[in-house]
Amino acid sequence: EVQLVESGGGLVQAGGSLRLSCIVSGFTSGDYVIGWFRQAPGKEREGVSCYASRVRATYYADSVKGRFTIHSDNAKNTAYLQMNSLKPEDTAVYYCAADPDLRNYYHCSDGEGFPYWGQGTQVTVST
């Protein structure tokens, strides 16, 4: 059974940093697409960042480029999202998701089709 468990959310002032972690279990190899998504109240879910290890491809939403970094540590079965220069508009519940089907890398903008999701972690950025 595949499971994803996020941690690292919290309350931070604008301009601050947080690092989210996602422990992934149940895959027989590290060959899957790992993504971070977020959903703010009243808004659609949006893709924040994805990493496809097989092709070493990385996706970032325009709104987070230059501020967020995704990193996957296969030895620890953990994916990270380092978030710097946080803004109030980054406030949302953040989810990690995984998919062994590389084709869903092309759905990193919205997470459509990703079969495995974590429970989410709240990130709140105050002014």
Foldseek 3Di string as FASTA:
>chain_A
DKAKAKDWADEEAAQAKIKMKIAIDDDPAPQKKKFKWWDAPPDAIFTAKIAGVVVRDIDGDPVQPPFWDWDADRVRNMIMIIGGRDDQVVWTWMKMFIGNDPVCVVVNGHCPPGDYIHPTDTHGYHD
